[in-house]
N, C-alpha and C. Protein backbone atom coordinates (compact mmCIF):
# COMPACT_ATOMS: atom_id res chain seq x y z
N MET A 1 94.28 119.81 100.87
CA MET A 1 93.29 119.97 101.93
C MET A 1 93.91 119.90 103.32
N LEU A 2 95.10 119.33 103.40
CA LEU A 2 95.74 119.19 104.71
C LEU A 2 97.10 119.90 104.71
N PRO A 3 97.13 121.22 104.38
CA PRO A 3 98.41 121.91 104.22
C PRO A 3 99.25 121.95 105.49
N LYS A 4 98.62 122.00 106.66
CA LYS A 4 99.42 122.09 107.88
C LYS A 4 100.21 120.81 108.15
N LEU A 5 99.85 119.74 107.45
CA LEU A 5 100.60 118.49 107.59
C LEU A 5 101.90 118.49 106.79
N ASN A 6 102.07 119.52 105.93
CA ASN A 6 103.27 119.58 105.09
C ASN A 6 104.55 119.65 105.91
N SER A 7 104.46 120.15 107.14
CA SER A 7 105.65 120.24 107.97
C SER A 7 105.94 118.92 108.71
N TYR A 8 105.07 117.93 108.52
CA TYR A 8 105.25 116.63 109.17
C TYR A 8 105.61 115.55 108.15
N THR A 9 106.32 114.54 108.63
CA THR A 9 106.46 113.30 107.88
C THR A 9 105.41 112.36 108.46
N ILE A 10 104.50 111.92 107.61
CA ILE A 10 103.45 110.99 108.04
C ILE A 10 103.97 109.57 107.83
N ILE A 11 103.89 108.77 108.87
CA ILE A 11 104.32 107.37 108.79
C ILE A 11 103.10 106.48 108.96
N LEU A 12 102.82 105.69 107.94
CA LEU A 12 101.76 104.69 108.05
C LEU A 12 102.43 103.39 108.48
N ALA A 13 102.07 102.93 109.66
CA ALA A 13 102.67 101.71 110.21
C ALA A 13 101.79 100.52 109.87
N SER A 14 101.72 100.21 108.58
CA SER A 14 100.86 99.12 108.13
C SER A 14 101.39 98.52 106.83
N LYS A 15 101.38 97.20 106.77
CA LYS A 15 101.75 96.51 105.53
C LYS A 15 100.54 96.33 104.62
N SER A 16 99.35 96.68 105.11
CA SER A 16 98.11 96.46 104.36
C SER A 16 98.06 97.31 103.09
N PRO A 17 97.98 96.67 101.92
CA PRO A 17 97.87 97.45 100.69
C PRO A 17 96.58 98.26 100.65
N ARG A 18 95.52 97.78 101.32
CA ARG A 18 94.27 98.52 101.34
C ARG A 18 94.40 99.81 102.14
N ARG A 19 95.03 99.75 103.29
CA ARG A 19 95.23 100.97 104.08
C ARG A 19 96.11 101.96 103.32
N GLN A 20 97.15 101.44 102.68
CA GLN A 20 98.04 102.30 101.91
C GLN A 20 97.28 103.00 100.78
N GLN A 21 96.43 102.25 100.08
CA GLN A 21 95.63 102.80 98.98
C GLN A 21 94.67 103.87 99.49
N LEU A 22 93.99 103.59 100.58
CA LEU A 22 92.99 104.53 101.11
C LEU A 22 93.65 105.82 101.60
N LEU A 23 94.79 105.72 102.28
CA LEU A 23 95.46 106.92 102.76
C LEU A 23 96.00 107.73 101.58
N LYS A 24 96.50 107.05 100.57
CA LYS A 24 96.99 107.75 99.37
C LYS A 24 95.84 108.49 98.69
N GLU A 25 94.69 107.83 98.57
CA GLU A 25 93.54 108.45 97.91
C GLU A 25 92.95 109.59 98.74
N LEU A 26 93.28 109.63 100.02
CA LEU A 26 92.87 110.74 100.88
C LEU A 26 93.73 111.98 100.58
N GLY A 27 94.80 111.78 99.83
CA GLY A 27 95.68 112.90 99.47
C GLY A 27 96.79 113.15 100.47
N VAL A 28 97.09 112.13 101.27
CA VAL A 28 98.13 112.27 102.29
C VAL A 28 99.44 111.68 101.76
N ASP A 29 100.51 112.46 101.82
CA ASP A 29 101.83 111.94 101.49
C ASP A 29 102.36 111.22 102.73
N PHE A 30 102.84 110.01 102.55
CA PHE A 30 103.29 109.24 103.71
C PHE A 30 104.39 108.27 103.30
N ILE A 31 105.10 107.81 104.30
CA ILE A 31 106.05 106.72 104.10
C ILE A 31 105.54 105.54 104.94
N ILE A 32 106.05 104.38 104.63
CA ILE A 32 105.62 103.18 105.35
C ILE A 32 106.78 102.68 106.20
N LYS A 33 106.49 102.50 107.48
CA LYS A 33 107.44 101.86 108.39
C LYS A 33 106.62 100.90 109.24
N THR A 34 107.07 99.68 109.36
CA THR A 34 106.32 98.74 110.19
C THR A 34 107.23 98.10 111.22
N LYS A 35 106.61 97.67 112.29
CA LYS A 35 107.30 96.90 113.33
C LYS A 35 106.44 95.68 113.59
N ASP A 36 107.08 94.57 113.72
CA ASP A 36 106.32 93.35 114.00
C ASP A 36 106.01 93.29 115.48
N ILE A 37 104.71 93.25 115.78
CA ILE A 37 104.30 93.04 117.16
C ILE A 37 103.36 91.84 117.18
N GLU A 38 103.35 91.17 118.28
CA GLU A 38 102.45 90.04 118.42
C GLU A 38 101.05 90.60 118.70
N GLU A 39 100.10 90.21 117.87
CA GLU A 39 98.74 90.74 118.02
C GLU A 39 97.96 89.91 119.03
N VAL A 40 98.29 90.10 120.29
CA VAL A 40 97.59 89.41 121.38
C VAL A 40 97.01 90.46 122.32
N TYR A 41 95.95 90.08 123.00
CA TYR A 41 95.27 91.01 123.88
C TYR A 41 94.73 90.24 125.09
N PRO A 42 94.51 90.92 126.20
CA PRO A 42 93.98 90.25 127.39
C PRO A 42 92.60 89.64 127.08
N SER A 43 92.38 88.44 127.54
CA SER A 43 91.14 87.72 127.22
C SER A 43 89.90 88.36 127.84
N ASN A 44 90.10 89.22 128.84
CA ASN A 44 88.95 89.85 129.49
C ASN A 44 88.51 91.15 128.82
N LEU A 45 89.19 91.56 127.75
CA LEU A 45 88.80 92.79 127.05
C LEU A 45 87.48 92.59 126.33
N LYS A 46 86.63 93.62 126.38
CA LYS A 46 85.39 93.58 125.62
C LYS A 46 85.73 93.79 124.15
N LYS A 47 84.90 93.20 123.28
CA LYS A 47 85.19 93.26 121.84
C LYS A 47 85.34 94.70 121.34
N GLU A 48 84.61 95.63 121.95
CA GLU A 48 84.64 97.02 121.51
C GLU A 48 86.02 97.66 121.69
N VAL A 49 86.84 97.11 122.57
CA VAL A 49 88.14 97.75 122.83
C VAL A 49 89.34 96.93 122.35
N VAL A 50 89.11 95.76 121.80
CA VAL A 50 90.23 94.91 121.35
C VAL A 50 91.02 95.59 120.24
N ALA A 51 90.34 96.08 119.21
CA ALA A 51 91.05 96.74 118.10
C ALA A 51 91.79 97.97 118.59
N LEU A 52 91.17 98.71 119.51
CA LEU A 52 91.80 99.90 120.09
C LEU A 52 93.07 99.51 120.85
N PHE A 53 92.99 98.47 121.64
CA PHE A 53 94.15 97.97 122.39
C PHE A 53 95.28 97.61 121.43
N LEU A 54 94.95 96.87 120.36
CA LEU A 54 95.98 96.43 119.41
C LEU A 54 96.57 97.61 118.62
N SER A 55 95.73 98.57 118.25
CA SER A 55 96.23 99.75 117.54
C SER A 55 97.21 100.53 118.43
N GLU A 56 96.87 100.65 119.70
CA GLU A 56 97.76 101.37 120.62
C GLU A 56 99.05 100.59 120.90
N GLN A 57 98.96 99.26 120.93
CA GLN A 57 100.17 98.44 121.07
C GLN A 57 101.11 98.68 119.90
N LYS A 58 100.54 98.74 118.70
CA LYS A 58 101.35 99.01 117.51
C LYS A 58 101.99 100.39 117.60
N ALA A 59 101.23 101.37 118.10
CA ALA A 59 101.78 102.73 118.27
C ALA A 59 102.90 102.74 119.29
N ASN A 60 102.71 102.02 120.40
CA ASN A 60 103.73 101.99 121.45
C ASN A 60 105.07 101.46 120.96
N ALA A 61 105.04 100.61 119.94
CA ALA A 61 106.28 100.05 119.39
C ALA A 61 107.15 101.14 118.75
N PHE A 62 106.56 102.30 118.43
CA PHE A 62 107.28 103.40 117.79
C PHE A 62 107.72 104.49 118.76
N LYS A 63 107.34 104.38 120.02
CA LYS A 63 107.58 105.47 120.99
C LYS A 63 109.03 105.92 121.05
N LYS A 64 109.96 104.99 121.03
CA LYS A 64 111.38 105.35 121.16
C LYS A 64 111.96 105.92 119.87
N ASP A 65 111.27 105.69 118.75
CA ASP A 65 111.83 106.07 117.44
C ASP A 65 111.25 107.34 116.85
N ILE A 66 110.16 107.83 117.40
CA ILE A 66 109.48 108.96 116.76
C ILE A 66 110.28 110.25 116.91
N LYS A 67 110.30 111.02 115.84
CA LYS A 67 111.04 112.28 115.82
C LYS A 67 110.07 113.45 115.91
N GLU A 68 110.64 114.62 116.12
CA GLU A 68 109.86 115.85 116.36
C GLU A 68 108.79 116.12 115.30
N ASN A 69 109.11 115.91 114.04
CA ASN A 69 108.19 116.31 112.96
C ASN A 69 107.45 115.11 112.35
N GLU A 70 107.23 114.08 113.13
CA GLU A 70 106.57 112.88 112.60
C GLU A 70 105.22 112.63 113.25
N ILE A 71 104.30 112.12 112.44
CA ILE A 71 103.02 111.60 112.93
C ILE A 71 102.93 110.16 112.46
N VAL A 72 102.73 109.26 113.41
CA VAL A 72 102.60 107.84 113.09
C VAL A 72 101.12 107.47 113.13
N ILE A 73 100.70 106.69 112.14
CA ILE A 73 99.33 106.19 112.08
C ILE A 73 99.38 104.67 112.17
N THR A 74 98.74 104.13 113.20
CA THR A 74 98.61 102.67 113.33
C THR A 74 97.14 102.32 113.31
N SER A 75 96.85 101.06 113.00
CA SER A 75 95.46 100.65 112.88
C SER A 75 95.34 99.16 113.10
N ASP A 76 94.14 98.74 113.51
CA ASP A 76 93.84 97.31 113.62
C ASP A 76 92.36 97.10 113.33
N THR A 77 92.05 96.02 112.65
CA THR A 77 90.68 95.68 112.30
C THR A 77 90.35 94.31 112.83
N ILE A 78 89.17 94.20 113.46
CA ILE A 78 88.68 92.90 113.90
C ILE A 78 87.27 92.69 113.37
N VAL A 79 86.89 91.44 113.25
CA VAL A 79 85.54 91.05 112.85
C VAL A 79 84.90 90.37 114.05
N CYS A 80 83.68 90.76 114.39
CA CYS A 80 82.98 90.18 115.54
C CYS A 80 81.65 89.58 115.10
N LEU A 81 81.46 88.34 115.44
CA LEU A 81 80.18 87.66 115.23
C LEU A 81 79.61 87.42 116.62
N GLY A 82 78.63 88.23 116.99
CA GLY A 82 78.17 88.21 118.37
C GLY A 82 79.32 88.67 119.25
N ASN A 83 79.68 87.87 120.24
CA ASN A 83 80.81 88.21 121.10
C ASN A 83 82.11 87.53 120.68
N GLU A 84 82.05 86.76 119.60
CA GLU A 84 83.24 86.04 119.12
C GLU A 84 84.05 86.93 118.19
N ILE A 85 85.34 87.04 118.49
CA ILE A 85 86.24 87.79 117.62
C ILE A 85 86.85 86.82 116.62
N ILE A 86 86.68 87.16 115.35
CA ILE A 86 87.20 86.33 114.26
C ILE A 86 88.41 87.04 113.67
N GLY A 87 89.56 86.45 113.81
CA GLY A 87 90.79 87.08 113.35
C GLY A 87 91.11 86.75 111.90
N LYS A 88 92.39 86.68 111.61
CA LYS A 88 92.84 86.31 110.27
C LYS A 88 92.95 84.80 110.20
N PRO A 89 92.62 84.21 109.06
CA PRO A 89 92.69 82.75 108.96
C PRO A 89 94.14 82.26 108.96
N THR A 90 94.33 81.08 109.51
CA THR A 90 95.68 80.51 109.56
C THR A 90 95.97 79.61 108.36
N ASN A 91 94.90 79.12 107.71
CA ASN A 91 95.07 78.25 106.54
C ASN A 91 93.75 78.18 105.77
N ARG A 92 93.72 77.39 104.71
CA ARG A 92 92.52 77.29 103.86
C ARG A 92 91.33 76.76 104.64
N THR A 93 91.53 75.72 105.42
CA THR A 93 90.43 75.13 106.19
C THR A 93 89.85 76.15 107.16
N ASN A 94 90.72 76.89 107.84
CA ASN A 94 90.29 77.91 108.78
C ASN A 94 89.52 79.02 108.06
N ALA A 95 89.98 79.41 106.87
CA ALA A 95 89.30 80.45 106.08
C ALA A 95 87.90 79.99 105.69
N ILE A 96 87.76 78.75 105.28
CA ILE A 96 86.44 78.20 104.93
C ILE A 96 85.53 78.23 106.15
N GLU A 97 86.05 77.80 107.29
CA GLU A 97 85.25 77.78 108.53
C GLU A 97 84.76 79.19 108.88
N MET A 98 85.63 80.18 108.72
CA MET A 98 85.24 81.55 109.04
C MET A 98 84.10 82.03 108.16
N LEU A 99 84.22 81.80 106.86
CA LEU A 99 83.17 82.27 105.95
C LEU A 99 81.88 81.48 106.14
N GLU A 100 81.99 80.21 106.52
CA GLU A 100 80.78 79.44 106.84
C GLU A 100 80.07 80.06 108.05
N LYS A 101 80.85 80.50 109.04
CA LYS A 101 80.26 81.13 110.23
C LYS A 101 79.55 82.43 109.88
N LEU A 102 80.16 83.22 108.99
CA LEU A 102 79.60 84.53 108.63
C LEU A 102 78.44 84.43 107.65
N SER A 103 78.34 83.32 106.94
CA SER A 103 77.32 83.11 105.92
C SER A 103 75.92 83.30 106.48
N GLY A 104 75.14 84.16 105.83
CA GLY A 104 73.76 84.37 106.21
C GLY A 104 73.56 85.17 107.49
N LYS A 105 74.62 85.77 107.99
CA LYS A 105 74.53 86.45 109.28
C LYS A 105 75.01 87.90 109.21
N ARG A 106 74.67 88.62 110.28
CA ARG A 106 75.15 89.98 110.50
C ARG A 106 76.37 89.91 111.40
N HIS A 107 77.41 90.65 111.06
CA HIS A 107 78.56 90.76 111.95
C HIS A 107 79.03 92.21 111.98
N GLU A 108 79.97 92.48 112.85
CA GLU A 108 80.51 93.83 112.99
C GLU A 108 81.99 93.83 112.60
N VAL A 109 82.38 94.90 111.95
CA VAL A 109 83.79 95.13 111.65
C VAL A 109 84.19 96.38 112.43
N ILE A 110 85.16 96.22 113.31
CA ILE A 110 85.63 97.33 114.13
C ILE A 110 87.07 97.63 113.75
N THR A 111 87.30 98.86 113.33
CA THR A 111 88.65 99.30 113.01
C THR A 111 89.02 100.42 113.97
N ALA A 112 90.17 100.27 114.58
CA ALA A 112 90.69 101.30 115.48
C ALA A 112 91.92 101.93 114.84
N VAL A 113 92.09 103.21 115.11
CA VAL A 113 93.23 103.97 114.56
C VAL A 113 93.85 104.77 115.69
N THR A 114 95.18 104.80 115.69
CA THR A 114 95.91 105.67 116.61
C THR A 114 96.80 106.58 115.78
N LEU A 115 96.69 107.90 116.05
CA LEU A 115 97.58 108.89 115.44
C LEU A 115 98.38 109.49 116.58
N PHE A 116 99.70 109.52 116.40
CA PHE A 116 100.47 110.15 117.48
C PHE A 116 101.75 110.79 116.99
N SER A 117 102.12 111.80 117.76
CA SER A 117 103.38 112.51 117.54
C SER A 117 104.02 112.62 118.92
N ILE A 118 105.12 113.33 119.01
CA ILE A 118 105.75 113.54 120.32
C ILE A 118 104.81 114.32 121.24
N GLN A 119 104.04 115.24 120.66
CA GLN A 119 103.18 116.11 121.46
C GLN A 119 101.79 115.56 121.74
N LYS A 120 101.29 114.67 120.91
CA LYS A 120 99.86 114.36 120.97
C LYS A 120 99.60 112.91 120.56
N LYS A 121 98.53 112.34 121.13
CA LYS A 121 98.09 111.00 120.75
C LYS A 121 96.57 110.97 120.74
N VAL A 122 96.01 110.45 119.66
CA VAL A 122 94.56 110.31 119.53
C VAL A 122 94.26 108.89 119.06
N SER A 123 93.34 108.24 119.76
CA SER A 123 92.89 106.90 119.34
C SER A 123 91.38 106.89 119.25
N PHE A 124 90.85 106.18 118.27
CA PHE A 124 89.40 106.07 118.11
C PHE A 124 89.10 104.77 117.36
N SER A 125 87.85 104.36 117.43
CA SER A 125 87.44 103.19 116.65
C SER A 125 86.10 103.46 116.00
N VAL A 126 85.86 102.73 114.91
CA VAL A 126 84.63 102.86 114.13
C VAL A 126 84.08 101.45 113.92
N CYS A 127 82.76 101.32 114.05
CA CYS A 127 82.11 100.02 113.88
C CYS A 127 81.15 100.07 112.70
N THR A 128 81.21 99.06 111.85
CA THR A 128 80.31 98.92 110.71
C THR A 128 79.64 97.56 110.79
N GLU A 129 78.34 97.52 110.55
CA GLU A 129 77.61 96.26 110.49
C GLU A 129 77.62 95.74 109.06
N VAL A 130 77.88 94.46 108.90
CA VAL A 130 77.92 93.83 107.57
C VAL A 130 76.97 92.64 107.59
N PHE A 131 76.16 92.53 106.53
CA PHE A 131 75.18 91.46 106.42
C PHE A 131 75.52 90.59 105.20
N PHE A 132 75.87 89.34 105.44
CA PHE A 132 76.15 88.39 104.36
C PHE A 132 74.89 87.63 103.99
N LYS A 133 74.69 87.38 102.73
CA LYS A 133 73.67 86.44 102.28
C LYS A 133 74.15 85.03 102.65
N PRO A 134 73.29 84.02 102.62
CA PRO A 134 73.78 82.66 102.78
C PRO A 134 74.72 82.32 101.60
N LEU A 135 75.92 81.89 101.93
CA LEU A 135 76.93 81.57 100.90
C LEU A 135 76.98 80.07 100.69
N SER A 136 77.08 79.65 99.44
CA SER A 136 77.24 78.22 99.15
C SER A 136 78.70 77.83 99.38
N MET A 137 78.93 76.56 99.60
CA MET A 137 80.31 76.08 99.76
C MET A 137 81.10 76.34 98.48
N GLU A 138 80.44 76.24 97.35
CA GLU A 138 81.10 76.51 96.07
C GLU A 138 81.58 77.96 96.00
N GLU A 139 80.74 78.91 96.46
CA GLU A 139 81.12 80.32 96.46
C GLU A 139 82.28 80.57 97.43
N ILE A 140 82.20 79.95 98.60
CA ILE A 140 83.25 80.13 99.61
C ILE A 140 84.58 79.60 99.11
N THR A 141 84.62 78.39 98.59
CA THR A 141 85.89 77.81 98.14
C THR A 141 86.42 78.52 96.90
N TYR A 142 85.53 78.94 96.00
CA TYR A 142 85.97 79.70 94.83
C TYR A 142 86.70 80.97 95.28
N TYR A 143 86.08 81.68 96.22
CA TYR A 143 86.67 82.92 96.70
C TYR A 143 88.02 82.67 97.37
N ILE A 144 88.06 81.73 98.27
CA ILE A 144 89.30 81.46 99.01
C ILE A 144 90.41 81.00 98.08
N ASP A 145 90.08 80.12 97.15
CA ASP A 145 91.10 79.58 96.24
C ASP A 145 91.60 80.63 95.24
N ASN A 146 90.75 81.58 94.88
CA ASN A 146 91.15 82.58 93.89
C ASN A 146 91.66 83.88 94.48
N TYR A 147 91.25 84.22 95.69
CA TYR A 147 91.63 85.50 96.28
C TYR A 147 92.55 85.37 97.50
N LYS A 148 92.64 84.17 98.05
CA LYS A 148 93.56 83.87 99.15
C LYS A 148 93.56 84.96 100.23
N PRO A 149 92.45 85.10 100.95
CA PRO A 149 92.29 86.21 101.91
C PRO A 149 92.93 85.95 103.27
N TYR A 150 94.14 85.43 103.27
CA TYR A 150 94.77 85.01 104.53
C TYR A 150 95.30 86.18 105.36
N ASP A 151 95.34 87.37 104.77
CA ASP A 151 95.81 88.54 105.53
C ASP A 151 94.65 89.42 105.97
N LYS A 152 93.43 88.88 105.91
CA LYS A 152 92.25 89.69 106.19
C LYS A 152 91.45 89.14 107.37
N ALA A 153 91.11 90.02 108.30
CA ALA A 153 90.25 89.63 109.42
C ALA A 153 88.92 89.11 108.86
N GLY A 154 88.45 88.01 109.41
CA GLY A 154 87.19 87.43 108.93
C GLY A 154 87.33 86.67 107.64
N SER A 155 88.52 86.65 107.07
CA SER A 155 88.80 85.90 105.85
C SER A 155 88.10 86.44 104.61
N TYR A 156 87.88 87.77 104.58
CA TYR A 156 87.30 88.33 103.35
C TYR A 156 87.67 89.80 103.20
N GLY A 157 87.62 90.25 101.95
CA GLY A 157 87.77 91.66 101.63
C GLY A 157 86.50 92.13 100.96
N ILE A 158 85.87 93.15 101.51
CA ILE A 158 84.60 93.66 100.98
C ILE A 158 84.76 94.13 99.53
N GLN A 159 85.97 94.58 99.18
CA GLN A 159 86.23 95.13 97.85
C GLN A 159 86.54 94.04 96.83
N GLU A 160 86.47 92.79 97.23
CA GLU A 160 86.76 91.67 96.34
C GLU A 160 85.48 90.94 95.94
N TRP A 161 85.64 89.89 95.16
CA TRP A 161 84.52 89.14 94.58
C TRP A 161 83.47 88.77 95.61
N ILE A 162 83.88 88.28 96.78
CA ILE A 162 82.92 87.85 97.81
C ILE A 162 82.06 89.02 98.27
N GLY A 163 82.63 90.22 98.29
CA GLY A 163 81.85 91.41 98.63
C GLY A 163 80.82 91.74 97.57
N TYR A 164 81.20 91.56 96.31
CA TYR A 164 80.28 91.84 95.20
C TYR A 164 79.05 90.93 95.24
N ILE A 165 79.29 89.64 95.50
CA ILE A 165 78.19 88.68 95.38
C ILE A 165 77.56 88.30 96.73
N GLY A 166 78.26 88.58 97.83
CA GLY A 166 77.81 88.03 99.10
C GLY A 166 77.28 89.01 100.12
N ILE A 167 77.62 90.28 99.98
CA ILE A 167 77.19 91.23 101.01
C ILE A 167 75.89 91.89 100.58
N GLU A 168 74.87 91.66 101.41
CA GLU A 168 73.55 92.22 101.11
C GLU A 168 73.46 93.70 101.45
N LYS A 169 74.04 94.08 102.59
CA LYS A 169 74.04 95.49 102.96
C LYS A 169 75.06 95.72 104.05
N ILE A 170 75.41 97.00 104.21
CA ILE A 170 76.23 97.41 105.34
C ILE A 170 75.57 98.61 105.99
N VAL A 171 75.81 98.76 107.28
CA VAL A 171 75.36 99.94 108.01
C VAL A 171 76.61 100.56 108.59
N GLY A 172 77.00 101.69 108.03
CA GLY A 172 78.23 102.34 108.45
C GLY A 172 79.18 102.53 107.29
N SER A 173 80.45 102.68 107.61
CA SER A 173 81.47 103.02 106.62
C SER A 173 81.99 101.81 105.85
N TYR A 174 81.88 101.88 104.54
CA TYR A 174 82.44 100.86 103.65
C TYR A 174 83.96 100.80 103.82
N PHE A 175 84.59 101.98 103.88
CA PHE A 175 86.05 102.03 103.96
C PHE A 175 86.57 101.47 105.28
N ASN A 176 85.76 101.58 106.33
CA ASN A 176 86.10 100.97 107.60
C ASN A 176 86.25 99.46 107.45
N VAL A 177 85.36 98.86 106.66
CA VAL A 177 85.42 97.41 106.43
C VAL A 177 86.66 97.07 105.61
N MET A 178 87.08 97.96 104.73
CA MET A 178 88.32 97.76 103.98
C MET A 178 89.55 97.84 104.88
N GLY A 179 89.41 98.52 106.02
CA GLY A 179 90.53 98.57 106.96
C GLY A 179 90.96 99.93 107.44
N LEU A 180 90.30 101.01 106.94
CA LEU A 180 90.67 102.34 107.41
C LEU A 180 89.46 103.27 107.28
N PRO A 181 88.94 103.77 108.41
CA PRO A 181 87.81 104.70 108.34
C PRO A 181 88.30 106.08 107.91
N VAL A 182 88.38 106.30 106.61
CA VAL A 182 89.07 107.46 106.07
C VAL A 182 88.44 108.79 106.47
N LYS A 183 87.13 108.86 106.58
CA LYS A 183 86.49 110.11 106.99
C LYS A 183 86.98 110.53 108.36
N GLU A 184 86.99 109.59 109.30
CA GLU A 184 87.43 109.90 110.66
C GLU A 184 88.93 110.18 110.71
N VAL A 185 89.72 109.46 109.91
CA VAL A 185 91.17 109.74 109.86
C VAL A 185 91.40 111.17 109.36
N TYR A 186 90.68 111.54 108.31
CA TYR A 186 90.78 112.90 107.75
C TYR A 186 90.42 113.94 108.81
N GLU A 187 89.29 113.71 109.51
CA GLU A 187 88.83 114.67 110.52
C GLU A 187 89.86 114.82 111.65
N GLU A 188 90.46 113.72 112.06
CA GLU A 188 91.46 113.77 113.14
C GLU A 188 92.75 114.43 112.66
N LEU A 189 93.13 114.17 111.42
CA LEU A 189 94.35 114.81 110.88
C LEU A 189 94.17 116.32 110.77
N ILE A 190 92.97 116.77 110.39
CA ILE A 190 92.70 118.21 110.32
C ILE A 190 92.91 118.85 111.69
N LYS A 191 92.47 118.16 112.74
CA LYS A 191 92.59 118.71 114.10
C LYS A 191 93.98 118.56 114.67
N PHE A 192 94.79 117.69 114.09
CA PHE A 192 96.10 117.40 114.66
C PHE A 192 96.99 118.62 114.59
């Protein structure tokens, strides 16, 4: 479906197994290259642009290394409860606190993506609303102890046990909550 991309080497700049799986299932051949950047952002940024800022920071780390026939894809996902940005948990206690905050509430998952080559750069973000049922402490600790969601914003993966039993509904893209809005990535790659 994306034959014009055959002349490019697609680089996914992400260690996330979920992003890798989603891009692979989109039918895109890619290699993985990552650079460690500190995921910090100015405190005055509005929540709507934090993921975009971080995705572009990740892209900027590749500016000196990109070659003529390469397209780099970077991404960042944040979870927002009201105006509070909930990042990745630092430990078990922090993970429990995060899920307690999200329990019984609506929150937003914002994923931003940057695609760039030497000639072009496109950045966009997608927002999905997620509604959790009230979670018991037993459900929260079972999930954390068995799934160890320490690499996930908001301390959960929608595609895991907690998503099966805890999410009442979503408004928007399921795959966005997993970490990559594949429909929009596909549409942007077609135009690239």
